[in-house]
């Protein structure tokens, strides 16, 4: 018997629209001048035998072929492997994260716990899907006939919200998470102005209904929010079990002028230093979460990576390009121009 792997395409599209809040007051009801939504091919659902096709506007993070979109947490090559069309955790190799960073998004993940199962409770088929690099976890666990604490079950907002129901399939079978993630927001002083929220469908069943996180998830205690960028990598946990993942894709919500990446520590460190500019000096230093700080023309700017060598600021149209091959090191800064 073929068991369909349900993807909650329709549900997520509706929820994404709802997250936008009240109707735009700049348009009349039924305004004939209002632009129509862009057309997206919705793709196809997966089966146990075959992964589905992502929506046409999705960023594909794993298509069964290689680990090109994934790195270790410090940005070095990951030790996880692509095997038989799946991204497989190598126990003891550490977490894996995306190169690209994402804010509010729709994330689709398919995963399978090892079969035959080994261990029990939190030691059986354990991994996790993290937003904000490693801050906010949706639990991955073999919860099929496996008792554990409620807020550590499969599809829990770990340590905070148990799933509404246990929609788990047996170990070895492919399961799906469709997650609508709304990142927290902080003001310029680092004060929290909006908490993180998430909605989760497990195998097509609603299990987290726009829950508001109290802060980062964790095993012991509930840590408070600390300011961080809106867009950060997505990560999977190495909890010592060879959990497999496939058909991983994301649709970033909202409008962003540039893609954003978290580069390796080694690359970021190579850009740190002083760059002479006539009688002045442009200074670049490290910040947390893959960012750089630049003192330029009397102003302090935060730089976000758009590629391995190109960066941009959010507050002013400042674009920066590093030349890693030059000796001494060179930097090109443009303001409001190409």
C-alpha atoms as a PDB file:
ATOM      1  CA  UNK A   1       0.000   0.000   0.000  1.00  0.00           C
ATOM      2  CA  UNK A   2       1.322   3.440  -0.894  1.00  0.00           C
ATOM      3  CA  UNK A   3       1.218   5.923   1.963  1.00  0.00           C
ATOM      4  CA  UNK A   4       1.042   9.574   0.781  1.00  0.00           C
ATOM      5  CA  UNK A   5       3.361  12.077   2.370  1.00  0.00           C
ATOM      6  CA  UNK A   6       1.025  15.037   2.782  1.00  0.00           C
ATOM      7  CA  UNK A   7       2.303  18.580   2.360  1.00  0.00           C
ATOM      8  CA  UNK A   8       0.026  21.299   3.703  1.00  0.00           C
ATOM      9  CA  UNK A   9       0.417  23.598   0.676  1.00  0.00           C
ATOM     10  CA  UNK A  10      -3.092  25.029   0.821  1.00  0.00           C
ATOM     11  CA  UNK A  11      -3.157  25.516   4.566  1.00  0.00           C
ATOM     12  CA  UNK A  12       0.196  27.332   4.583  1.00  0.00           C
ATOM     13  CA  UNK A  13      -0.717  29.703   1.772  1.00  0.00           C
ATOM     14  CA  UNK A  14      -3.801  30.820   3.718  1.00  0.00           C
ATOM     15  CA  UNK A  15      -1.818  31.251   6.928  1.00  0.00           C
ATOM     16  CA  UNK A  16       0.889  33.246   5.167  1.00  0.00           C
ATOM     17  CA  UNK A  17      -1.678  35.730   3.905  1.00  0.00           C
ATOM     18  CA  UNK A  18      -3.222  35.999   7.350  1.00  0.00           C
ATOM     19  CA  UNK A  19       0.138  36.914   8.885  1.00  0.00           C
ATOM     20  CA  UNK A  20       0.187  40.113   6.824  1.00  0.00           C
ATOM     21  CA  UNK A  21      -2.478  41.648   9.070  1.00  0.00           C
ATOM     22  CA  UNK A  22      -5.137  44.165   8.002  1.00  0.00           C
ATOM     23  CA  UNK A  23      -5.886  44.913   4.328  1.00  0.00           C
ATOM     24  CA  UNK A  24      -3.667  47.524   2.684  1.00  0.00           C
ATOM     25  CA  UNK A  25      -5.509  50.880   3.100  1.00  0.00           C
ATOM     26  CA  UNK A  26      -3.976  52.190  -0.143  1.00  0.00           C
ATOM     27  CA  UNK A  27      -6.381  50.058  -2.209  1.00  0.00           C
ATOM     28  CA  UNK A  28     -10.169  50.176  -2.517  1.00  0.00           C
ATOM     29  CA  UNK A  29     -12.229  47.057  -2.025  1.00  0.00           C
ATOM     30  CA  UNK A  30     -12.150  45.110  -5.316  1.00  0.00           C
ATOM     31  CA  UNK A  31      -9.813  47.778  -6.764  1.00  0.00           C
ATOM     32  CA  UNK A  32      -9.402  47.020 -10.492  1.00  0.00           C
ATOM     33  CA  UNK A  33      -5.980  48.712 -10.483  1.00  0.00           C
ATOM     34  CA  UNK A  34      -4.608  46.485  -7.765  1.00  0.00           C
ATOM     35  CA  UNK A  35      -1.879  44.128  -9.083  1.00  0.00           C
ATOM     36  CA  UNK A  36      -2.769  40.454  -9.228  1.00  0.00           C
ATOM     37  CA  UNK A  37      -0.724  37.988  -7.169  1.00  0.00           C
ATOM     38  CA  UNK A  38       2.247  36.409  -8.967  1.00  0.00           C
ATOM     39  CA  UNK A  39       1.552  32.980 -10.436  1.00  0.00           C
ATOM     40  CA  UNK A  40       3.303  30.083  -8.709  1.00  0.00           C
ATOM     41  CA  UNK A  41       3.299  26.443  -9.763  1.00  0.00           C
ATOM     42  CA  UNK A  42       2.411  24.736  -6.465  1.00  0.00           C
ATOM     43  CA  UNK A  43       4.467  21.621  -7.199  1.00  0.00           C
ATOM     44  CA  UNK A  44       3.448  18.121  -6.201  1.00  0.00           C
ATOM     45  CA  UNK A  45       3.147  16.198  -2.945  1.00  0.00           C
ATOM     46  CA  UNK A  46       5.575  13.436  -2.023  1.00  0.00           C
ATOM     47  CA  UNK A  47       4.913   9.721  -1.645  1.00  0.00           C
ATOM     48  CA  UNK A  48       6.872   7.287   0.470  1.00  0.00           C
ATOM     49  CA  UNK A  49       8.691   6.182  -2.671  1.00  0.00           C
ATOM     50  CA  UNK A  50       9.332   9.562  -4.279  1.00  0.00           C
ATOM     51  CA  UNK A  51       9.863  13.131  -3.060  1.00  0.00           C
ATOM     52  CA  UNK A  52       7.514  15.732  -4.483  1.00  0.00           C
ATOM     53  CA  UNK A  53       8.286  18.822  -6.540  1.00  0.00           C
ATOM     54  CA  UNK A  54       8.687  22.120  -4.628  1.00  0.00           C
ATOM     55  CA  UNK A  55       6.688  25.238  -5.558  1.00  0.00           C
ATOM     56  CA  UNK A  56       8.254  27.159  -8.410  1.00  0.00           C
ATOM     57  CA  UNK A  57       9.227  30.123  -6.198  1.00  0.00           C
ATOM     58  CA  UNK A  58      10.862  28.017  -3.472  1.00  0.00           C
ATOM     59  CA  UNK A  59      14.545  28.027  -2.593  1.00  0.00           C
ATOM     60  CA  UNK A  60      15.573  24.373  -2.688  1.00  0.00           C
ATOM     61  CA  UNK A  61      17.870  23.507   0.202  1.00  0.00           C
ATOM     62  CA  UNK A  62      18.236  19.803  -0.569  1.00  0.00           C
ATOM     63  CA  UNK A  63      17.156  17.950  -3.701  1.00  0.00           C
ATOM     64  CA  UNK A  64      18.741  14.604  -2.942  1.00  0.00           C
ATOM     65  CA  UNK A  65      21.997  15.240  -4.774  1.00  0.00           C
ATOM     66  CA  UNK A  66      24.553  16.994  -2.580  1.00  0.00           C
ATOM     67  CA  UNK A  67      25.177  19.093   0.528  1.00  0.00           C
ATOM     68  CA  UNK A  68      26.070  22.294  -1.350  1.00  0.00           C
ATOM     69  CA  UNK A  69      23.557  24.422   0.583  1.00  0.00           C
ATOM     70  CA  UNK A  70      24.750  23.152   3.984  1.00  0.00           C
ATOM     71  CA  UNK A  71      27.778  23.710   6.205  1.00  0.00           C
ATOM     72  CA  UNK A  72      28.920  23.021   9.752  1.00  0.00           C
ATOM     73  CA  UNK A  73      27.957  25.635  12.318  1.00  0.00           C
ATOM     74  CA  UNK A  74      31.269  27.510  11.907  1.00  0.00           C
ATOM     75  CA  UNK A  75      30.813  27.584   8.132  1.00  0.00           C
ATOM     76  CA  UNK A  76      33.335  24.843   7.381  1.00  0.00           C
ATOM     77  CA  UNK A  77      32.303  21.846   5.225  1.00  0.00           C
ATOM     78  CA  UNK A  78      29.715  19.633   6.902  1.00  0.00           C
ATOM     79  CA  UNK A  79      30.356  15.983   7.725  1.00  0.00           C
ATOM     80  CA  UNK A  80      26.709  15.069   7.112  1.00  0.00           C
ATOM     81  CA  UNK A  81      26.319  13.002   3.955  1.00  0.00           C
ATOM     82  CA  UNK A  82      24.041  12.828   0.941  1.00  0.00           C
ATOM     83  CA  UNK A  83      23.088   9.150   0.672  1.00  0.00           C
ATOM     84  CA  UNK A  84      20.341   7.450  -1.349  1.00  0.00           C
ATOM     85  CA  UNK A  85      18.609  10.781  -1.987  1.00  0.00           C
ATOM     86  CA  UNK A  86      18.650  11.861   1.657  1.00  0.00           C
ATOM     87  CA  UNK A  87      20.674  14.236   3.813  1.00  0.00           C
ATOM     88  CA  UNK A  88      21.790  11.967   6.651  1.00  0.00           C
ATOM     89  CA  UNK A  89      23.110  12.930  10.063  1.00  0.00           C
ATOM     90  CA  UNK A  90      26.498  11.425  10.891  1.00  0.00           C
ATOM     91  CA  UNK A  91      26.322  10.978  14.669  1.00  0.00           C
ATOM     92  CA  UNK A  92      28.975  12.991  16.476  1.00  0.00           C
ATOM     93  CA  UNK A  93      29.626  15.310  13.534  1.00  0.00           C
ATOM     94  CA  UNK A  94      27.738  18.287  14.969  1.00  0.00           C
ATOM     95  CA  UNK A  95      24.820  20.377  13.798  1.00  0.00           C
ATOM     96  CA  UNK A  96      24.435  21.373  10.152  1.00  0.00           C
ATOM     97  CA  UNK A  97      23.136  24.746   8.957  1.00  0.00           C
ATOM     98  CA  UNK A  98      22.232  26.485   5.731  1.00  0.00           C
ATOM     99  CA  UNK A  99      24.652  28.876   4.079  1.00  0.00           C
ATOM    100  CA  UNK A 100      21.764  31.211   3.308  1.00  0.00           C
ATOM    101  CA  UNK A 101      19.899  33.115   5.995  1.00  0.00           C
ATOM    102  CA  UNK A 102      16.108  33.401   6.214  1.00  0.00           C
ATOM    103  CA  UNK A 103      13.623  35.464   8.190  1.00  0.00           C
ATOM    104  CA  UNK A 104       9.849  34.946   8.053  1.00  0.00           C
ATOM    105  CA  UNK A 105       9.314  31.909   5.889  1.00  0.00           C
ATOM    106  CA  UNK A 106       7.450  28.753   4.957  1.00  0.00           C
ATOM    107  CA  UNK A 107       9.719  25.750   5.457  1.00  0.00           C
ATOM    108  CA  UNK A 108       9.046  22.237   4.161  1.00  0.00           C
ATOM    109  CA  UNK A 109      11.073  19.359   5.605  1.00  0.00           C
ATOM    110  CA  UNK A 110      10.688  15.607   5.175  1.00  0.00           C
ATOM    111  CA  UNK A 111      12.425  13.315   7.647  1.00  0.00           C
ATOM    112  CA  UNK A 112      12.631   9.682   8.643  1.00  0.00           C
ATOM    113  CA  UNK A 113      13.743   8.126  11.934  1.00  0.00           C
ATOM    114  CA  UNK A 114      16.029   5.075  11.812  1.00  0.00           C
ATOM    115  CA  UNK A 115      14.425   1.682  11.331  1.00  0.00           C
ATOM    116  CA  UNK A 116      14.737  -0.607  13.215  1.00  0.00           C
ATOM    117  CA  UNK A 117      14.428   1.847  16.093  1.00  0.00           C
ATOM    118  CA  UNK A 118      17.058   2.041  18.818  1.00  0.00           C
ATOM    119  CA  UNK A 119      16.730   3.499  22.295  1.00  0.00           C
ATOM    120  CA  UNK A 120      13.715   5.099  23.891  1.00  0.00           C
ATOM    121  CA  UNK A 121      12.348   8.484  24.961  1.00  0.00           C
ATOM    122  CA  UNK A 122      14.714  11.269  23.819  1.00  0.00           C
ATOM    123  CA  UNK A 123      17.293   8.713  22.672  1.00  0.00           C
ATOM    124  CA  UNK A 124      15.175   7.410  19.797  1.00  0.00           C
ATOM    125  CA  UNK A 125      15.280   9.083  16.386  1.00  0.00           C
ATOM    126  CA  UNK A 126      16.139  12.483  17.841  1.00  0.00           C
ATOM    127  CA  UNK A 127      17.068  15.578  15.837  1.00  0.00           C
ATOM    128  CA  UNK A 128      15.620  19.059  15.517  1.00  0.00           C
ATOM    129  CA  UNK A 129      14.765  21.815  13.061  1.00  0.00           C
ATOM    130  CA  UNK A 130      16.152  25.131  14.272  1.00  0.00           C
ATOM    131  CA  UNK A 131      15.408  28.703  13.259  1.00  0.00           C
ATOM    132  CA  UNK A 132      17.669  31.591  14.255  1.00  0.00           C
ATOM    133  CA  UNK A 133      20.718  29.330  13.749  1.00  0.00           C
ATOM    134  CA  UNK A 134      20.357  27.340  16.978  1.00  0.00           C
ATOM    135  CA  UNK A 135      17.850  29.324  19.020  1.00  0.00           C
ATOM    136  CA  UNK A 136      14.340  28.060  18.264  1.00  0.00           C
ATOM    137  CA  UNK A 137      13.711  24.319  17.839  1.00  0.00           C
ATOM    138  CA  UNK A 138      10.884  22.293  16.386  1.00  0.00           C
ATOM    139  CA  UNK A 139      11.593  18.846  17.794  1.00  0.00           C
ATOM    140  CA  UNK A 140      12.292  15.886  15.527  1.00  0.00           C
ATOM    141  CA  UNK A 141      11.765  12.605  17.380  1.00  0.00           C
ATOM    142  CA  UNK A 142      10.529   9.080  16.756  1.00  0.00           C
ATOM    143  CA  UNK A 143       7.295   9.535  18.732  1.00  0.00           C
ATOM    144  CA  UNK A 144       5.564   6.457  17.302  1.00  0.00           C
ATOM    145  CA  UNK A 145       4.789   4.348  20.376  1.00  0.00           C
ATOM    146  CA  UNK A 146       7.674   6.054  22.196  1.00  0.00           C
ATOM    147  CA  UNK A 147       6.811   7.757  25.482  1.00  0.00           C
ATOM    148  CA  UNK A 148       8.657  10.914  26.473  1.00  0.00           C
ATOM    149  CA  UNK A 149       7.839  14.242  28.109  1.00  0.00           C
ATOM    150  CA  UNK A 150       5.067  16.068  26.240  1.00  0.00           C
ATOM    151  CA  UNK A 151       6.969  19.222  25.300  1.00  0.00           C
ATOM    152  CA  UNK A 152       9.785  17.097  23.850  1.00  0.00           C
ATOM    153  CA  UNK A 153       7.561  15.087  21.498  1.00  0.00           C
ATOM    154  CA  UNK A 154       7.826  15.200  17.728  1.00  0.00           C
ATOM    155  CA  UNK A 155       6.669  18.597  16.395  1.00  0.00           C
ATOM    156  CA  UNK A 156       6.819  20.249  19.808  1.00  0.00           C
ATOM    157  CA  UNK A 157       8.125  23.769  20.173  1.00  0.00           C
ATOM    158  CA  UNK A 158      10.788  22.178  22.307  1.00  0.00           C
ATOM    159  CA  UNK A 159      10.398  22.776  26.012  1.00  0.00           C
ATOM    160  CA  UNK A 160       7.468  25.172  25.513  1.00  0.00           C
ATOM    161  CA  UNK A 161       4.497  23.761  23.577  1.00  0.00           C
ATOM    162  CA  UNK A 162       3.620  20.080  23.079  1.00  0.00           C
ATOM    163  CA  UNK A 163       1.994  19.316  19.723  1.00  0.00           C
ATOM    164  CA  UNK A 164      -1.803  19.434  19.738  1.00  0.00           C
ATOM    165  CA  UNK A 165      -1.824  15.773  18.666  1.00  0.00           C
ATOM    166  CA  UNK A 166       0.709  13.032  17.954  1.00  0.00           C
ATOM    167  CA  UNK A 167       0.578  12.619  14.167  1.00  0.00           C
ATOM    168  CA  UNK A 168       3.692  10.439  13.928  1.00  0.00           C
ATOM    169  CA  UNK A 169       4.294   7.661  11.417  1.00  0.00           C
ATOM    170  CA  UNK A 170       6.305   4.512  12.188  1.00  0.00           C
ATOM    171  CA  UNK A 171      10.109   4.680  12.106  1.00  0.00           C
ATOM    172  CA  UNK A 172      11.563   4.390   8.621  1.00  0.00           C
ATOM    173  CA  UNK A 173       8.598   6.077   6.965  1.00  0.00           C
ATOM    174  CA  UNK A 174       8.910   9.593   5.588  1.00  0.00           C
ATOM    175  CA  UNK A 175       7.211  12.318   7.618  1.00  0.00           C
ATOM    176  CA  UNK A 176       6.640  15.979   6.767  1.00  0.00           C
ATOM    177  CA  UNK A 177       6.850  19.252   8.610  1.00  0.00           C
ATOM    178  CA  UNK A 178       5.344  22.360   7.026  1.00  0.00           C
ATOM    179  CA  UNK A 179       6.277  25.298   9.213  1.00  0.00           C
ATOM    180  CA  UNK A 180       5.278  28.949   9.015  1.00  0.00           C
ATOM    181  CA  UNK A 181       7.944  30.850  10.924  1.00  0.00           C
ATOM    182  CA  UNK A 182       7.682  34.479  12.031  1.00  0.00           C
ATOM    183  CA  UNK A 183      10.993  35.722  13.400  1.00  0.00           C
ATOM    184  CA  UNK A 184      11.140  37.951  16.470  1.00  0.00           C
ATOM    185  CA  UNK A 185      11.831  41.650  16.015  1.00  0.00           C
ATOM    186  CA  UNK A 186      14.070  43.953  18.024  1.00  0.00           C
ATOM    187  CA  UNK A 187      14.507  47.720  17.920  1.00  0.00           C
ATOM    188  CA  UNK A 188      17.837  49.510  17.359  1.00  0.00           C
ATOM    189  CA  UNK A 189      18.614  49.348  21.081  1.00  0.00           C
ATOM    190  CA  UNK A 190      18.044  45.585  21.142  1.00  0.00           C
ATOM    191  CA  UNK A 191      14.685  45.700  22.898  1.00  0.00           C
ATOM    192  CA  UNK A 192      12.147  43.024  21.976  1.00  0.00           C
ATOM    193  CA  UNK A 193       9.214  44.494  20.053  1.00  0.00           C
ATOM    194  CA  UNK A 194       7.630  41.273  18.719  1.00  0.00           C
ATOM    195  CA  UNK A 195       8.003  37.683  19.853  1.00  0.00           C
ATOM    196  CA  UNK A 196       8.615  34.768  17.510  1.00  0.00           C
ATOM    197  CA  UNK A 197       5.634  32.751  16.308  1.00  0.00           C
ATOM    198  CA  UNK A 198       5.285  29.431  14.521  1.00  0.00           C
ATOM    199  CA  UNK A 199       2.618  27.260  12.980  1.00  0.00           C
ATOM    200  CA  UNK A 200       3.432  23.616  12.301  1.00  0.00           C
ATOM    201  CA  UNK A 201       1.709  20.919  10.259  1.00  0.00           C
ATOM    202  CA  UNK A 202       2.969  17.393  10.950  1.00  0.00           C
ATOM    203  CA  UNK A 203       2.067  15.018   8.137  1.00  0.00           C
ATOM    204  CA  UNK A 204      -0.613  17.509   7.087  1.00  0.00           C
ATOM    205  CA  UNK A 205      -2.119  17.763  10.588  1.00  0.00           C
ATOM    206  CA  UNK A 206      -2.092  21.099  12.440  1.00  0.00           C
ATOM    207  CA  UNK A 207      -0.050  20.588  15.611  1.00  0.00           C
ATOM    208  CA  UNK A 208       1.145  24.143  16.474  1.00  0.00           C
ATOM    209  CA  UNK A 209      -1.347  26.951  15.883  1.00  0.00           C
ATOM    210  CA  UNK A 210       0.557  30.247  15.604  1.00  0.00           C
ATOM    211  CA  UNK A 211       2.128  29.756  19.045  1.00  0.00           C
ATOM    212  CA  UNK A 212       4.143  32.608  20.565  1.00  0.00           C
ATOM    213  CA  UNK A 213       7.548  31.538  21.852  1.00  0.00           C
ATOM    214  CA  UNK A 214       8.636  32.772  25.262  1.00  0.00           C
ATOM    215  CA  UNK A 215      12.229  32.999  24.034  1.00  0.00           C
ATOM    216  CA  UNK A 216      14.842  30.547  22.773  1.00  0.00           C
ATOM    217  CA  UNK A 217      13.979  26.904  23.306  1.00  0.00           C
ATOM    218  CA  UNK A 218      16.179  24.764  25.535  1.00  0.00           C
ATOM    219  CA  UNK A 219      16.513  21.643  27.620  1.00  0.00           C
ATOM    220  CA  UNK A 220      16.835  23.271  31.047  1.00  0.00           C
ATOM    221  CA  UNK A 221      15.051  26.537  31.857  1.00  0.00           C
ATOM    222  CA  UNK A 222      13.566  29.152  29.574  1.00  0.00           C
ATOM    223  CA  UNK A 223      16.045  31.749  28.470  1.00  0.00           C
ATOM    224  CA  UNK A 224      14.881  35.300  27.678  1.00  0.00           C
ATOM    225  CA  UNK A 225      15.107  36.811  24.234  1.00  0.00           C
ATOM    226  CA  UNK A 226      18.377  38.459  23.240  1.00  0.00           C
ATOM    227  CA  UNK A 227      18.602  40.690  20.187  1.00  0.00           C
ATOM    228  CA  UNK A 228      19.700  39.063  16.940  1.00  0.00           C
ATOM    229  CA  UNK A 229      19.246  39.659  13.198  1.00  0.00           C
ATOM    230  CA  UNK A 230      15.885  38.904  11.617  1.00  0.00           C
ATOM    231  CA  UNK A 231      17.413  36.643   8.963  1.00  0.00           C
ATOM    232  CA  UNK A 232      19.596  33.751  10.125  1.00  0.00           C
ATOM    233  CA  UNK A 233      20.363  30.216   8.914  1.00  0.00           C
ATOM    234  CA  UNK A 234      18.151  27.177   9.444  1.00  0.00           C
ATOM    235  CA  UNK A 235      19.873  24.288  11.225  1.00  0.00           C
ATOM    236  CA  UNK A 236      19.364  20.580  11.894  1.00  0.00           C
ATOM    237  CA  UNK A 237      20.508  18.946  15.109  1.00  0.00           C
ATOM    238  CA  UNK A 238      22.957  16.108  15.588  1.00  0.00           C
ATOM    239  CA  UNK A 239      21.578  14.292  18.646  1.00  0.00           C
ATOM    240  CA  UNK A 240      23.488  11.083  18.032  1.00  0.00           C
ATOM    241  CA  UNK A 241      20.909   9.414  15.759  1.00  0.00           C
ATOM    242  CA  UNK A 242      21.264   8.923  11.965  1.00  0.00           C
ATOM    243  CA  UNK A 243      18.019  10.720  11.112  1.00  0.00           C
ATOM    244  CA  UNK A 244      17.515  11.308   7.377  1.00  0.00           C
ATOM    245  CA  UNK A 245      16.061  14.368   5.631  1.00  0.00           C
ATOM    246  CA  UNK A 246      14.881  14.957   2.062  1.00  0.00           C
ATOM    247  CA  UNK A 247      12.942  17.412  -0.127  1.00  0.00           C
ATOM    248  CA  UNK A 248      13.879  20.466   1.928  1.00  0.00           C
ATOM    249  CA  UNK A 249      12.722  23.813   0.598  1.00  0.00           C
ATOM    250  CA  UNK A 250      11.848  27.255   1.890  1.00  0.00           C
ATOM    251  CA  UNK A 251       9.766  30.204   0.694  1.00  0.00           C
ATOM    252  CA  UNK A 252      10.896  33.438   2.308  1.00  0.00           C
ATOM    253  CA  UNK A 253       8.011  35.760   3.150  1.00  0.00           C
ATOM    254  CA  UNK A 254       8.175  39.527   2.836  1.00  0.00           C
ATOM    255  CA  UNK A 255      10.312  41.624   0.529  1.00  0.00           C
ATOM    256  CA  UNK A 256      14.094  41.767   0.738  1.00  0.00           C
ATOM    257  CA  UNK A 257      16.431  43.615  -1.627  1.00  0.00           C
ATOM    258  CA  UNK A 258      19.223  41.069  -1.290  1.00  0.00           C
ATOM    259  CA  UNK A 259      19.772  37.458  -0.413  1.00  0.00           C
ATOM    260  CA  UNK A 260      21.684  37.062   2.828  1.00  0.00           C
ATOM    261  CA  UNK A 261      24.304  34.511   3.851  1.00  0.00           C
ATOM    262  CA  UNK A 262      26.231  33.612   6.981  1.00  0.00           C
ATOM    263  CA  UNK A 263      29.825  33.125   5.865  1.00  0.00           C
ATOM    264  CA  UNK A 264      32.397  30.981   7.620  1.00  0.00           C
ATOM    265  CA  UNK A 265      34.277  32.311  10.619  1.00  0.00           C
ATOM    266  CA  UNK A 266      37.514  32.025   8.634  1.00  0.00           C
ATOM    267  CA  UNK A 267      36.219  34.199   5.760  1.00  0.00           C
ATOM    268  CA  UNK A 268      34.744  36.826   8.071  1.00  0.00           C
ATOM    269  CA  UNK A 269      37.919  36.996  10.133  1.00  0.00           C
ATOM    270  CA  UNK A 270      39.971  37.572   6.972  1.00  0.00           C
ATOM    271  CA  UNK A 271      38.063  40.819   6.330  1.00  0.00           C
ATOM    272  CA  UNK A 272      38.753  42.290   9.763  1.00  0.00           C
ATOM    273  CA  UNK A 273      41.232  45.161   9.840  1.00  0.00           C
ATOM    274  CA  UNK A 274      42.013  48.737   8.837  1.00  0.00           C
ATOM    275  CA  UNK A 275      41.737  49.902   5.230  1.00  0.00           C
ATOM    276  CA  UNK A 276      43.402  53.260   4.377  1.00  0.00           C
ATOM    277  CA  UNK A 277      41.158  55.724   2.501  1.00  0.00           C
ATOM    278  CA  UNK A 278      43.133  58.848   1.736  1.00  0.00           C
ATOM    279  CA  UNK A 279      43.744  60.555   5.054  1.00  0.00           C
ATOM    280  CA  UNK A 280      41.025  58.448   6.678  1.00  0.00           C
ATOM    281  CA  UNK A 281      40.839  54.789   7.666  1.00  0.00           C
ATOM    282  CA  UNK A 282      37.908  52.421   7.185  1.00  0.00           C
ATOM    283  CA  UNK A 283      37.807  49.898  10.008  1.00  0.00           C
ATOM    284  CA  UNK A 284      36.075  46.522   9.846  1.00  0.00           C
ATOM    285  CA  UNK A 285      35.470  44.252  12.845  1.00  0.00           C
ATOM    286  CA  UNK A 286      33.436  41.152  13.703  1.00  0.00           C
ATOM    287  CA  UNK A 287      29.940  41.125  15.173  1.00  0.00           C
ATOM    288  CA  UNK A 288      27.940  38.084  16.346  1.00  0.00           C
ATOM    289  CA  UNK A 289      25.722  36.058  13.991  1.00  0.00           C
ATOM    290  CA  UNK A 290      27.892  36.398  10.897  1.00  0.00           C
ATOM    291  CA  UNK A 291      27.783  40.185  10.695  1.00  0.00           C
ATOM    292  CA  UNK A 292      30.548  42.751  10.253  1.00  0.00           C
ATOM    293  CA  UNK A 293      30.778  46.273  11.659  1.00  0.00           C
ATOM    294  CA  UNK A 294      32.329  49.002   9.510  1.00  0.00           C
ATOM    295  CA  UNK A 295      33.386  52.484  10.595  1.00  0.00           C
ATOM    296  CA  UNK A 296      33.261  54.582   7.411  1.00  0.00           C
ATOM    297  CA  UNK A 297      33.145  58.358   6.887  1.00  0.00           C
ATOM    298  CA  UNK A 298      32.388  58.920  10.554  1.00  0.00           C
ATOM    299  CA  UNK A 299      29.482  56.458  10.620  1.00  0.00           C
ATOM    300  CA  UNK A 300      29.163  52.984  12.125  1.00  0.00           C
ATOM    301  CA  UNK A 301      27.379  50.514   9.858  1.00  0.00           C
ATOM    302  CA  UNK A 302      26.356  46.860  10.237  1.00  0.00           C
ATOM    303  CA  UNK A 303      27.191  44.794   7.154  1.00  0.00           C
ATOM    304  CA  UNK A 304      25.244  41.749   5.953  1.00  0.00           C
ATOM    305  CA  UNK A 305      26.755  39.270   3.483  1.00  0.00           C
ATOM    306  CA  UNK A 306      25.138  39.038   0.051  1.00  0.00           C
ATOM    307  CA  UNK A 307      27.902  36.768  -1.302  1.00  0.00           C
ATOM    308  CA  UNK A 308      31.336  35.557  -0.168  1.00  0.00           C
ATOM    309  CA  UNK A 309      32.833  38.982  -1.003  1.00  0.00           C
ATOM    310  CA  UNK A 310      29.928  41.456  -1.183  1.00  0.00           C
ATOM    311  CA  UNK A 311      28.108  43.021   1.769  1.00  0.00           C
ATOM    312  CA  UNK A 312      25.380  45.606   2.259  1.00  0.00           C
ATOM    313  CA  UNK A 313      23.922  47.807   4.991  1.00  0.00           C
ATOM    314  CA  UNK A 314      20.232  47.937   5.886  1.00  0.00           C
ATOM    315  CA  UNK A 315      19.934  51.569   6.974  1.00  0.00           C
ATOM    316  CA  UNK A 316      21.676  53.281   4.024  1.00  0.00           C
ATOM    317  CA  UNK A 317      22.346  52.054   0.479  1.00  0.00           C
ATOM    318  CA  UNK A 318      25.963  51.265   1.232  1.00  0.00           C
ATOM    319  CA  UNK A 319      27.510  48.326  -0.598  1.00  0.00           C
ATOM    320  CA  UNK A 320      30.918  46.889   0.197  1.00  0.00           C
ATOM    321  CA  UNK A 321      33.134  44.525  -1.771  1.00  0.00           C
ATOM    322  CA  UNK A 322      36.253  42.891  -0.382  1.00  0.00           C
ATOM    323  CA  UNK A 323      39.141  41.689  -2.549  1.00  0.00           C
ATOM    324  CA  UNK A 324      40.543  38.651  -0.736  1.00  0.00           C
ATOM    325  CA  UNK A 325      43.334  38.200  -3.308  1.00  0.00           C
ATOM    326  CA  UNK A 326      44.867  41.668  -2.921  1.00  0.00           C
ATOM    327  CA  UNK A 327      47.994  42.405  -0.882  1.00  0.00           C
ATOM    328  CA  UNK A 328      47.527  44.531   1.104  1.00  0.00           C
ATOM    329  CA  UNK A 329      43.835  43.864   1.609  1.00  0.00           C
ATOM    330  CA  UNK A 330      41.464  46.061  -0.396  1.00  0.00           C
ATOM    331  CA  UNK A 331      37.880  47.202   0.118  1.00  0.00           C
ATOM    332  CA  UNK A 332      35.518  49.016  -2.261  1.00  0.00           C
ATOM    333  CA  UNK A 333      32.694  51.024  -0.711  1.00  0.00           C
ATOM    334  CA  UNK A 334      29.909  52.602  -2.773  1.00  0.00           C
ATOM    335  CA  UNK A 335      27.060  54.754  -1.497  1.00  0.00           C
ATOM    336  CA  UNK A 336      23.878  55.051  -3.563  1.00  0.00           C
ATOM    337  CA  UNK A 337      25.582  54.119  -6.813  1.00  0.00           C
ATOM    338  CA  UNK A 338      26.876  51.097  -8.754  1.00  0.00           C
END
